[in-house]
Amino acid sequence: MFCKKCGKEITDDTRFCPFCGTDQLISVIHNSSNARNPNVSNKSRTVAALLAFFLGALGIHRFYVGKTGTAVLQILLSCCFGLGYVWALIDLVVILCGNFTDKDGLLITDWDAKY
């Protein structure tokens, strides 16, 4: 699990974080699942995959994850050369494999983002 305050990885049975000293019992009471990994994006992989499948040539999935520059480029490639469809197919495969990142370089791994 991860510390609720500093985000460093700690063992599941740790009461106080060895890095910052925060009491982890409170986070276990309020949140029975492990704390969110700070190195993972809060965007939904399901939403990104569906957007890439249905509206991928328009780069909508890239707008969703914050990559506006490449989204606009994908729109231009679709309109001018029809290459946006190929790019969207590649992005869809990358999303389904769990290697797609958001604008901050964080992996989009969760199928259902709840935060």
N, C-alpha and C. Protein backbone atom coordinates (compact mmCIF):
# COMPACT_ATOMS: atom_id res chain seq x y z
N MET A 1 0.84 -1.17 0.00
CA MET A 1 0.00 0.00 0.00
C MET A 1 0.88 1.23 0.00
N PHE A 2 0.29 2.39 -0.14
CA PHE A 2 1.02 3.65 -0.19
C PHE A 2 0.59 4.55 0.95
N CYS A 3 1.52 5.32 1.46
CA CYS A 3 1.23 6.25 2.54
C CYS A 3 0.21 7.28 2.07
N LYS A 4 -0.78 7.57 2.92
CA LYS A 4 -1.83 8.50 2.54
C LYS A 4 -1.34 9.94 2.47
N LYS A 5 -0.20 10.24 3.10
CA LYS A 5 0.30 11.60 3.10
C LYS A 5 1.42 11.82 2.09
N CYS A 6 2.50 11.01 2.18
CA CYS A 6 3.67 11.25 1.31
C CYS A 6 3.63 10.42 0.03
N GLY A 7 2.79 9.37 -0.03
CA GLY A 7 2.65 8.56 -1.23
C GLY A 7 3.72 7.50 -1.42
N LYS A 8 4.63 7.35 -0.47
CA LYS A 8 5.69 6.34 -0.60
C LYS A 8 5.10 4.96 -0.31
N GLU A 9 5.67 3.96 -0.96
CA GLU A 9 5.18 2.59 -0.77
C GLU A 9 5.64 2.05 0.58
N ILE A 10 4.68 1.48 1.30
CA ILE A 10 4.95 0.89 2.61
C ILE A 10 4.25 -0.46 2.68
N THR A 11 4.62 -1.28 3.65
CA THR A 11 3.99 -2.60 3.77
C THR A 11 2.56 -2.45 4.29
N ASP A 12 1.75 -3.44 4.04
CA ASP A 12 0.33 -3.39 4.41
C ASP A 12 0.11 -3.35 5.92
N ASP A 13 1.02 -3.90 6.69
CA ASP A 13 0.83 -3.95 8.13
C ASP A 13 1.49 -2.79 8.88
N THR A 14 1.98 -1.79 8.17
CA THR A 14 2.64 -0.64 8.79
C THR A 14 1.61 0.30 9.40
N ARG A 15 1.78 0.63 10.66
CA ARG A 15 0.85 1.55 11.34
C ARG A 15 1.26 3.00 11.08
N PHE A 16 2.57 3.30 11.20
CA PHE A 16 3.07 4.65 10.97
C PHE A 16 4.06 4.61 9.79
N CYS A 17 3.92 5.54 8.89
CA CYS A 17 4.81 5.61 7.73
C CYS A 17 6.24 5.86 8.20
N PRO A 18 7.20 5.03 7.77
CA PRO A 18 8.59 5.24 8.19
C PRO A 18 9.23 6.46 7.54
N PHE A 19 8.60 7.03 6.53
CA PHE A 19 9.15 8.18 5.84
C PHE A 19 8.66 9.51 6.41
N CYS A 20 7.35 9.58 6.72
CA CYS A 20 6.81 10.86 7.20
C CYS A 20 6.14 10.74 8.58
N GLY A 21 5.93 9.51 9.08
CA GLY A 21 5.37 9.31 10.41
C GLY A 21 3.86 9.38 10.50
N THR A 22 3.16 9.46 9.38
CA THR A 22 1.71 9.56 9.39
C THR A 22 1.06 8.26 9.81
N ASP A 23 0.04 8.36 10.68
CA ASP A 23 -0.71 7.21 11.15
C ASP A 23 -1.54 6.65 9.99
N GLN A 24 -1.32 5.40 9.64
CA GLN A 24 -2.02 4.77 8.52
C GLN A 24 -3.33 4.13 8.93
N LEU A 25 -3.58 3.97 10.21
CA LEU A 25 -4.80 3.34 10.69
C LEU A 25 -6.02 4.15 10.28
N ILE A 26 -5.91 5.45 10.31
CA ILE A 26 -7.02 6.31 9.92
C ILE A 26 -7.39 6.09 8.47
N SER A 27 -6.38 5.94 7.61
CA SER A 27 -6.67 5.73 6.20
C SER A 27 -7.30 4.36 5.96
N VAL A 28 -6.96 3.36 6.78
CA VAL A 28 -7.56 2.04 6.65
C VAL A 28 -9.02 2.08 7.06
N ILE A 29 -9.34 2.85 8.08
CA ILE A 29 -10.72 2.97 8.54
C ILE A 29 -11.58 3.67 7.49
N HIS A 30 -11.07 4.75 6.90
CA HIS A 30 -11.84 5.52 5.92
C HIS A 30 -11.83 4.89 4.53
N ASN A 31 -10.79 4.15 4.21
CA ASN A 31 -10.67 3.57 2.88
C ASN A 31 -10.16 2.15 3.03
N SER A 32 -11.03 1.17 2.86
CA SER A 32 -10.62 -0.21 3.09
C SER A 32 -9.68 -0.73 2.02
N SER A 33 -9.69 -0.14 0.83
CA SER A 33 -8.75 -0.57 -0.20
C SER A 33 -7.44 0.19 -0.04
N ASN A 34 -6.42 -0.27 -0.76
CA ASN A 34 -5.12 0.39 -0.69
C ASN A 34 -5.22 1.80 -1.24
N ALA A 35 -4.37 2.69 -0.74
CA ALA A 35 -4.34 4.05 -1.23
C ALA A 35 -3.91 4.04 -2.69
N ARG A 36 -4.33 5.06 -3.42
CA ARG A 36 -4.01 5.16 -4.84
C ARG A 36 -2.52 5.36 -5.05
N ASN A 37 -1.97 4.67 -6.02
CA ASN A 37 -0.58 4.81 -6.37
C ASN A 37 -0.38 6.20 -6.99
N PRO A 38 0.53 7.01 -6.46
CA PRO A 38 0.73 8.36 -7.00
C PRO A 38 1.38 8.36 -8.37
N ASN A 39 1.88 7.23 -8.83
CA ASN A 39 2.53 7.15 -10.14
C ASN A 39 1.58 6.69 -11.24
N VAL A 40 0.29 6.63 -10.94
CA VAL A 40 -0.72 6.19 -11.89
C VAL A 40 -1.71 7.32 -12.11
N SER A 41 -2.12 7.50 -13.34
CA SER A 41 -3.06 8.57 -13.70
C SER A 41 -4.44 8.31 -13.09
N ASN A 42 -5.20 9.38 -12.88
CA ASN A 42 -6.56 9.22 -12.38
C ASN A 42 -7.58 9.12 -13.51
N LYS A 43 -7.11 9.07 -14.74
CA LYS A 43 -8.01 8.92 -15.89
C LYS A 43 -8.42 7.46 -16.05
N SER A 44 -9.61 7.25 -16.58
CA SER A 44 -10.14 5.90 -16.76
C SER A 44 -9.65 5.29 -18.07
N ARG A 45 -9.13 4.10 -17.97
CA ARG A 45 -8.67 3.38 -19.15
C ARG A 45 -9.86 2.97 -20.03
N THR A 46 -10.98 2.68 -19.41
CA THR A 46 -12.18 2.33 -20.16
C THR A 46 -12.65 3.49 -21.02
N VAL A 47 -12.72 4.68 -20.43
CA VAL A 47 -13.15 5.86 -21.17
C VAL A 47 -12.18 6.15 -22.31
N ALA A 48 -10.89 6.08 -22.03
CA ALA A 48 -9.88 6.35 -23.07
C ALA A 48 -10.01 5.34 -24.22
N ALA A 49 -10.22 4.07 -23.89
CA ALA A 49 -10.34 3.04 -24.93
C ALA A 49 -11.60 3.24 -25.77
N LEU A 50 -12.72 3.56 -25.12
CA LEU A 50 -13.96 3.78 -25.86
C LEU A 50 -13.87 5.02 -26.76
N LEU A 51 -13.26 6.08 -26.25
CA LEU A 51 -13.08 7.28 -27.06
C LEU A 51 -12.15 7.01 -28.24
N ALA A 52 -11.10 6.24 -28.01
CA ALA A 52 -10.18 5.90 -29.10
C ALA A 52 -10.86 5.04 -30.16
N PHE A 53 -11.73 4.14 -29.72
CA PHE A 53 -12.41 3.25 -30.65
C PHE A 53 -13.44 4.01 -31.50
N PHE A 54 -14.28 4.80 -30.84
CA PHE A 54 -15.36 5.46 -31.56
C PHE A 54 -14.98 6.81 -32.17
N LEU A 55 -14.14 7.58 -31.50
CA LEU A 55 -13.80 8.92 -31.97
C LEU A 55 -12.29 9.13 -32.09
N GLY A 56 -11.57 8.03 -32.23
CA GLY A 56 -10.11 8.09 -32.24
C GLY A 56 -9.52 8.92 -33.35
N ALA A 57 -10.09 8.88 -34.52
CA ALA A 57 -9.54 9.64 -35.64
C ALA A 57 -9.59 11.14 -35.38
N LEU A 58 -10.49 11.56 -34.51
CA LEU A 58 -10.59 12.98 -34.16
C LEU A 58 -9.73 13.32 -32.94
N GLY A 59 -9.03 12.35 -32.39
CA GLY A 59 -8.14 12.59 -31.27
C GLY A 59 -8.83 12.89 -29.95
N ILE A 60 -10.09 12.54 -29.84
CA ILE A 60 -10.86 12.86 -28.64
C ILE A 60 -10.26 12.19 -27.40
N HIS A 61 -9.75 10.98 -27.55
CA HIS A 61 -9.13 10.28 -26.41
C HIS A 61 -7.89 11.03 -25.94
N ARG A 62 -7.20 11.70 -26.85
CA ARG A 62 -6.02 12.48 -26.46
C ARG A 62 -6.43 13.77 -25.76
N PHE A 63 -7.52 14.37 -26.18
CA PHE A 63 -8.05 15.52 -25.43
C PHE A 63 -8.41 15.09 -24.01
N TYR A 64 -9.02 13.90 -23.88
CA TYR A 64 -9.45 13.39 -22.58
C TYR A 64 -8.29 13.27 -21.60
N VAL A 65 -7.12 12.81 -22.08
CA VAL A 65 -5.98 12.63 -21.18
C VAL A 65 -5.10 13.87 -21.09
N GLY A 66 -5.48 14.94 -21.77
CA GLY A 66 -4.77 16.20 -21.66
C GLY A 66 -3.70 16.45 -22.71
N LYS A 67 -3.59 15.58 -23.69
CA LYS A 67 -2.58 15.74 -24.74
C LYS A 67 -3.19 16.54 -25.90
N THR A 68 -3.41 17.82 -25.68
CA THR A 68 -4.12 18.63 -26.67
C THR A 68 -3.32 18.86 -27.94
N GLY A 69 -2.03 19.01 -27.82
CA GLY A 69 -1.20 19.24 -29.00
C GLY A 69 -1.26 18.10 -29.99
N THR A 70 -1.07 16.88 -29.51
CA THR A 70 -1.13 15.73 -30.40
C THR A 70 -2.57 15.43 -30.83
N ALA A 71 -3.53 15.84 -30.05
CA ALA A 71 -4.93 15.67 -30.45
C ALA A 71 -5.25 16.53 -31.67
N VAL A 72 -4.79 17.77 -31.63
CA VAL A 72 -5.01 18.67 -32.77
C VAL A 72 -4.27 18.14 -33.99
N LEU A 73 -3.05 17.66 -33.80
CA LEU A 73 -2.29 17.08 -34.91
C LEU A 73 -3.01 15.87 -35.49
N GLN A 74 -3.61 15.07 -34.64
CA GLN A 74 -4.35 13.90 -35.12
C GLN A 74 -5.57 14.32 -35.94
N ILE A 75 -6.24 15.37 -35.53
CA ILE A 75 -7.37 15.89 -36.30
C ILE A 75 -6.90 16.34 -37.68
N LEU A 76 -5.79 17.08 -37.71
CA LEU A 76 -5.27 17.57 -38.99
C LEU A 76 -4.85 16.41 -39.90
N LEU A 77 -4.23 15.40 -39.34
CA LEU A 77 -3.85 14.23 -40.15
C LEU A 77 -5.07 13.49 -40.67
N SER A 78 -6.13 13.47 -39.88
CA SER A 78 -7.36 12.81 -40.33
C SER A 78 -8.01 13.57 -41.47
N CYS A 79 -8.06 14.88 -41.34
CA CYS A 79 -8.72 15.71 -42.35
C CYS A 79 -7.93 15.77 -43.65
N CYS A 80 -6.61 15.90 -43.52
CA CYS A 80 -5.78 16.12 -44.71
C CYS A 80 -5.34 14.83 -45.40
N PHE A 81 -4.99 13.83 -44.62
CA PHE A 81 -4.39 12.64 -45.22
C PHE A 81 -5.09 11.34 -44.85
N GLY A 82 -6.03 11.39 -43.94
CA GLY A 82 -6.72 10.18 -43.51
C GLY A 82 -5.88 9.27 -42.62
N LEU A 83 -4.77 9.78 -42.09
CA LEU A 83 -3.88 8.97 -41.27
C LEU A 83 -4.29 8.92 -39.80
N GLY A 84 -5.25 9.72 -39.42
CA GLY A 84 -5.70 9.72 -38.03
C GLY A 84 -6.28 8.39 -37.61
N TYR A 85 -6.84 7.64 -38.55
CA TYR A 85 -7.43 6.33 -38.24
C TYR A 85 -6.35 5.32 -37.86
N VAL A 86 -5.23 5.37 -38.58
CA VAL A 86 -4.12 4.48 -38.26
C VAL A 86 -3.56 4.82 -36.88
N TRP A 87 -3.38 6.10 -36.62
CA TRP A 87 -2.87 6.56 -35.33
C TRP A 87 -3.83 6.13 -34.21
N ALA A 88 -5.13 6.28 -34.45
CA ALA A 88 -6.13 5.90 -33.45
C ALA A 88 -6.09 4.40 -33.16
N LEU A 89 -5.88 3.60 -34.18
CA LEU A 89 -5.79 2.15 -33.98
C LEU A 89 -4.56 1.79 -33.14
N ILE A 90 -3.45 2.45 -33.43
CA ILE A 90 -2.24 2.22 -32.64
C ILE A 90 -2.46 2.64 -31.20
N ASP A 91 -3.07 3.82 -30.99
CA ASP A 91 -3.37 4.28 -29.64
C ASP A 91 -4.29 3.32 -28.90
N LEU A 92 -5.28 2.78 -29.60
CA LEU A 92 -6.21 1.84 -28.97
C LEU A 92 -5.48 0.60 -28.47
N VAL A 93 -4.57 0.08 -29.27
CA VAL A 93 -3.80 -1.09 -28.85
C VAL A 93 -2.94 -0.75 -27.63
N VAL A 94 -2.31 0.44 -27.65
CA VAL A 94 -1.47 0.86 -26.52
C VAL A 94 -2.31 1.03 -25.26
N ILE A 95 -3.51 1.59 -25.40
CA ILE A 95 -4.42 1.76 -24.25
C ILE A 95 -4.81 0.40 -23.69
N LEU A 96 -5.20 -0.52 -24.55
CA LEU A 96 -5.63 -1.85 -24.11
C LEU A 96 -4.49 -2.63 -23.45
N CYS A 97 -3.26 -2.36 -23.87
CA CYS A 97 -2.10 -3.02 -23.26
C CYS A 97 -1.69 -2.37 -21.94
N GLY A 98 -2.23 -1.19 -21.64
CA GLY A 98 -1.93 -0.51 -20.38
C GLY A 98 -0.67 0.33 -20.42
N ASN A 99 -0.23 0.74 -21.60
CA ASN A 99 0.99 1.54 -21.72
C ASN A 99 0.73 2.98 -22.14
N PHE A 100 -0.51 3.40 -22.19
CA PHE A 100 -0.85 4.77 -22.59
C PHE A 100 -0.68 5.71 -21.40
N THR A 101 -0.17 6.89 -21.63
CA THR A 101 0.08 7.85 -20.55
C THR A 101 -0.75 9.11 -20.74
N ASP A 102 -0.93 9.84 -19.64
CA ASP A 102 -1.62 11.12 -19.72
C ASP A 102 -0.61 12.23 -19.98
N LYS A 103 -1.05 13.49 -19.89
CA LYS A 103 -0.18 14.62 -20.20
C LYS A 103 1.01 14.74 -19.25
N ASP A 104 0.91 14.18 -18.05
CA ASP A 104 1.99 14.23 -17.08
C ASP A 104 2.91 13.02 -17.16
N GLY A 105 2.66 12.13 -18.10
CA GLY A 105 3.48 10.93 -18.25
C GLY A 105 3.10 9.80 -17.31
N LEU A 106 1.95 9.92 -16.64
CA LEU A 106 1.49 8.88 -15.72
C LEU A 106 0.70 7.83 -16.50
N LEU A 107 0.96 6.57 -16.22
CA LEU A 107 0.28 5.48 -16.91
C LEU A 107 -1.21 5.47 -16.57
N ILE A 108 -2.02 5.21 -17.57
CA ILE A 108 -3.47 5.06 -17.38
C ILE A 108 -3.73 3.57 -17.29
N THR A 109 -3.82 3.07 -16.05
CA THR A 109 -3.93 1.63 -15.84
C THR A 109 -5.27 1.20 -15.28
N ASP A 110 -5.97 2.07 -14.57
CA ASP A 110 -7.23 1.69 -13.92
C ASP A 110 -8.37 1.70 -14.94
N TRP A 111 -9.11 0.59 -14.96
CA TRP A 111 -10.25 0.51 -15.86
C TRP A 111 -11.39 1.41 -15.40
N ASP A 112 -11.47 1.64 -14.09
CA ASP A 112 -12.51 2.52 -13.57
C ASP A 112 -11.87 3.51 -12.60
N ALA A 113 -11.70 4.72 -13.04
CA ALA A 113 -11.12 5.76 -12.17
C ALA A 113 -12.22 6.33 -11.30
N LYS A 114 -11.99 6.35 -9.98
CA LYS A 114 -13.01 6.80 -9.05
C LYS A 114 -12.64 8.09 -8.36
N TYR A 115 -11.61 8.76 -8.77
CA TYR A 115 -11.14 9.95 -8.08
C TYR A 115 -10.99 11.09 -9.00
